[in-house]
C-alpha atoms as a PDB file:
ATOM      1  CA  UNK A   1      -0.370  -0.049  -0.115  1.00  0.00           C
ATOM      2  CA  UNK A   2       1.420   2.728  -1.268  1.00  0.00           C
ATOM      3  CA  UNK A   3       1.272   6.229   1.085  1.00  0.00           C
ATOM      4  CA  UNK A   4       1.165   9.627  -0.039  1.00  0.00           C
ATOM      5  CA  UNK A   5       2.378  12.537   2.262  1.00  0.00           C
ATOM      6  CA  UNK A   6       2.000  16.336   1.080  1.00  0.00           C
ATOM      7  CA  UNK A   7       3.622  18.804   2.693  1.00  0.00           C
ATOM      8  CA  UNK A   8       2.727  22.829   2.513  1.00  0.00           C
ATOM      9  CA  UNK A   9       5.318  24.953   4.124  1.00  0.00           C
ATOM     10  CA  UNK A  10       4.332  28.918   4.944  1.00  0.00           C
ATOM     11  CA  UNK A  11       7.657  31.129   6.149  1.00  0.00           C
ATOM     12  CA  UNK A  12       8.572  33.455   8.739  1.00  0.00           C
ATOM     13  CA  UNK A  13       8.146  37.278   7.320  1.00  0.00           C
ATOM     14  CA  UNK A  14      11.693  36.806   8.876  1.00  0.00           C
ATOM     15  CA  UNK A  15      12.404  34.122   6.050  1.00  0.00           C
ATOM     16  CA  UNK A  16      15.445  35.313   3.373  1.00  0.00           C
ATOM     17  CA  UNK A  17      14.944  33.952  -0.081  1.00  0.00           C
ATOM     18  CA  UNK A  18      17.997  32.235   0.527  1.00  0.00           C
ATOM     19  CA  UNK A  19      17.172  30.343   3.398  1.00  0.00           C
ATOM     20  CA  UNK A  20      13.701  29.620   2.086  1.00  0.00           C
ATOM     21  CA  UNK A  21      15.705  28.080  -1.098  1.00  0.00           C
ATOM     22  CA  UNK A  22      18.138  26.481   1.793  1.00  0.00           C
ATOM     23  CA  UNK A  23      14.869  24.586   3.533  1.00  0.00           C
ATOM     24  CA  UNK A  24      13.075  23.641  -0.212  1.00  0.00           C
ATOM     25  CA  UNK A  25      16.459  22.218  -0.988  1.00  0.00           C
ATOM     26  CA  UNK A  26      17.046  20.642   2.048  1.00  0.00           C
ATOM     27  CA  UNK A  27      13.845  18.957   1.716  1.00  0.00           C
ATOM     28  CA  UNK A  28      13.657  17.531  -1.715  1.00  0.00           C
ATOM     29  CA  UNK A  29      17.372  16.218  -0.673  1.00  0.00           C
ATOM     30  CA  UNK A  30      16.008  13.777   2.169  1.00  0.00           C
ATOM     31  CA  UNK A  31      14.751  11.303  -0.724  1.00  0.00           C
ATOM     32  CA  UNK A  32      18.849  10.258  -0.910  1.00  0.00           C
ATOM     33  CA  UNK A  33      19.038  11.260   3.003  1.00  0.00           C
ATOM     34  CA  UNK A  34      17.031   9.030   4.450  1.00  0.00           C
ATOM     35  CA  UNK A  35      17.970   5.910   4.562  1.00  0.00           C
ATOM     36  CA  UNK A  36      16.047   2.642   5.955  1.00  0.00           C
ATOM     37  CA  UNK A  37      18.327   1.420   9.529  1.00  0.00           C
ATOM     38  CA  UNK A  38      17.455  -2.290   8.528  1.00  0.00           C
ATOM     39  CA  UNK A  39      18.186  -2.540   4.434  1.00  0.00           C
ATOM     40  CA  UNK A  40      20.675   0.451   4.906  1.00  0.00           C
ATOM     41  CA  UNK A  41      18.883   1.793   1.533  1.00  0.00           C
ATOM     42  CA  UNK A  42      17.053   4.965   0.645  1.00  0.00           C
ATOM     43  CA  UNK A  43      13.626   4.000   1.041  1.00  0.00           C
ATOM     44  CA  UNK A  44      11.045   6.854  -0.429  1.00  0.00           C
ATOM     45  CA  UNK A  45       9.680   5.645  -3.224  1.00  0.00           C
ATOM     46  CA  UNK A  46       9.144   9.141  -4.769  1.00  0.00           C
ATOM     47  CA  UNK A  47       9.908  12.882  -3.363  1.00  0.00           C
ATOM     48  CA  UNK A  48       8.533  16.094  -5.477  1.00  0.00           C
ATOM     49  CA  UNK A  49       8.026  19.832  -4.807  1.00  0.00           C
ATOM     50  CA  UNK A  50       8.542  23.180  -5.188  1.00  0.00           C
ATOM     51  CA  UNK A  51       6.730  26.918  -5.093  1.00  0.00           C
ATOM     52  CA  UNK A  52       3.097  26.850  -5.354  1.00  0.00           C
ATOM     53  CA  UNK A  53       2.538  28.398  -9.388  1.00  0.00           C
ATOM     54  CA  UNK A  54      -1.816  27.602  -9.074  1.00  0.00           C
ATOM     55  CA  UNK A  55      -3.900  30.761 -10.847  1.00  0.00           C
ATOM     56  CA  UNK A  56      -6.609  29.422  -8.358  1.00  0.00           C
ATOM     57  CA  UNK A  57      -5.573  31.871  -5.742  1.00  0.00           C
ATOM     58  CA  UNK A  58      -6.313  29.369  -3.122  1.00  0.00           C
ATOM     59  CA  UNK A  59      -2.701  28.422  -1.118  1.00  0.00           C
ATOM     60  CA  UNK A  60      -2.221  31.427   1.144  1.00  0.00           C
ATOM     61  CA  UNK A  61       0.062  31.573   3.438  1.00  0.00           C
ATOM     62  CA  UNK A  62       1.361  28.149   1.634  1.00  0.00           C
ATOM     63  CA  UNK A  63       3.876  29.304  -1.025  1.00  0.00           C
ATOM     64  CA  UNK A  64       5.824  25.878  -1.004  1.00  0.00           C
ATOM     65  CA  UNK A  65       4.098  22.352  -0.997  1.00  0.00           C
ATOM     66  CA  UNK A  66       5.728  18.614  -0.974  1.00  0.00           C
ATOM     67  CA  UNK A  67       5.017  15.133  -2.061  1.00  0.00           C
ATOM     68  CA  UNK A  68       6.407  12.033  -0.441  1.00  0.00           C
ATOM     69  CA  UNK A  69       5.407   8.713  -1.295  1.00  0.00           C
ATOM     70  CA  UNK A  70       6.506   5.482   0.898  1.00  0.00           C
ATOM     71  CA  UNK A  71       5.540   1.711   0.368  1.00  0.00           C
ATOM     72  CA  UNK A  72       4.351   1.559   3.625  1.00  0.00           C
ATOM     73  CA  UNK A  73       2.690   2.488   6.977  1.00  0.00           C
ATOM     74  CA  UNK A  74       5.739   1.500   8.781  1.00  0.00           C
ATOM     75  CA  UNK A  75       8.470   3.467   6.352  1.00  0.00           C
ATOM     76  CA  UNK A  76       6.292   6.788   6.548  1.00  0.00           C
ATOM     77  CA  UNK A  77       6.421   6.189  10.088  1.00  0.00           C
ATOM     78  CA  UNK A  78       9.813   5.485  10.824  1.00  0.00           C
ATOM     79  CA  UNK A  79      10.590   9.030   8.318  1.00  0.00           C
ATOM     80  CA  UNK A  80       7.788  11.626  10.650  1.00  0.00           C
ATOM     81  CA  UNK A  81       9.264   9.651  14.279  1.00  0.00           C
ATOM     82  CA  UNK A  82      12.753   8.527  14.087  1.00  0.00           C
ATOM     83  CA  UNK A  83      14.457   8.868  10.636  1.00  0.00           C
ATOM     84  CA  UNK A  84      17.842  11.296  11.481  1.00  0.00           C
ATOM     85  CA  UNK A  85      17.741  13.294   8.621  1.00  0.00           C
ATOM     86  CA  UNK A  86      13.946  14.002   8.784  1.00  0.00           C
ATOM     87  CA  UNK A  87      14.991  15.187  12.431  1.00  0.00           C
ATOM     88  CA  UNK A  88      17.517  17.172  11.097  1.00  0.00           C
ATOM     89  CA  UNK A  89      15.359  18.729   8.311  1.00  0.00           C
ATOM     90  CA  UNK A  90      12.710  19.589  11.126  1.00  0.00           C
ATOM     91  CA  UNK A  91      14.791  21.335  13.102  1.00  0.00           C
ATOM     92  CA  UNK A  92      15.920  23.709  10.451  1.00  0.00           C
ATOM     93  CA  UNK A  93      12.710  24.282   8.695  1.00  0.00           C
ATOM     94  CA  UNK A  94      11.503  25.102  12.379  1.00  0.00           C
ATOM     95  CA  UNK A  95      13.564  28.347  12.217  1.00  0.00           C
ATOM     96  CA  UNK A  96      12.012  29.451   8.589  1.00  0.00           C
ATOM     97  CA  UNK A  97       8.666  27.892   8.993  1.00  0.00           C
ATOM     98  CA  UNK A  98       6.118  30.235  10.246  1.00  0.00           C
ATOM     99  CA  UNK A  99       2.969  27.183   9.598  1.00  0.00           C
ATOM    100  CA  UNK A 100       3.317  23.739   8.325  1.00  0.00           C
ATOM    101  CA  UNK A 101      -0.088  21.660   7.186  1.00  0.00           C
ATOM    102  CA  UNK A 102       0.942  18.096   6.325  1.00  0.00           C
ATOM    103  CA  UNK A 103      -2.078  15.705   4.730  1.00  0.00           C
ATOM    104  CA  UNK A 104      -1.015  11.885   4.873  1.00  0.00           C
ATOM    105  CA  UNK A 105      -3.576   9.263   2.728  1.00  0.00           C
ATOM    106  CA  UNK A 106      -3.166   5.544   1.126  1.00  0.00           C
ATOM    107  CA  UNK A 107      -3.387   5.177  -2.479  1.00  0.00           C
ATOM    108  CA  UNK A 108      -6.966   3.942  -3.452  1.00  0.00           C
ATOM    109  CA  UNK A 109      -8.753   4.188   0.006  1.00  0.00           C
ATOM    110  CA  UNK A 110     -11.066   6.906   0.106  1.00  0.00           C
END
């Protein structure tokens, strides 16, 4: 079962464009940095994201979004709660993010 993990960011007014860019690059780098402790292999199925460019005007105050896919809820849970690379990113992002929204769902399940 594939788990989709969607993350939206709102940045602090004090966050510079350089820090926002750094945060986004660090987020995207997690696909290579997150290694499963048992297999010693990367475990993120797919990872994409970037700056909002929707013409609908419904995203404010969130300006950047990311979509991460995991093979299982167990992999997602490891990523969220234990992965050291993700934990380091969360600490850094906390310095520049004013708000974060997360939605997860299992593909094919309503």
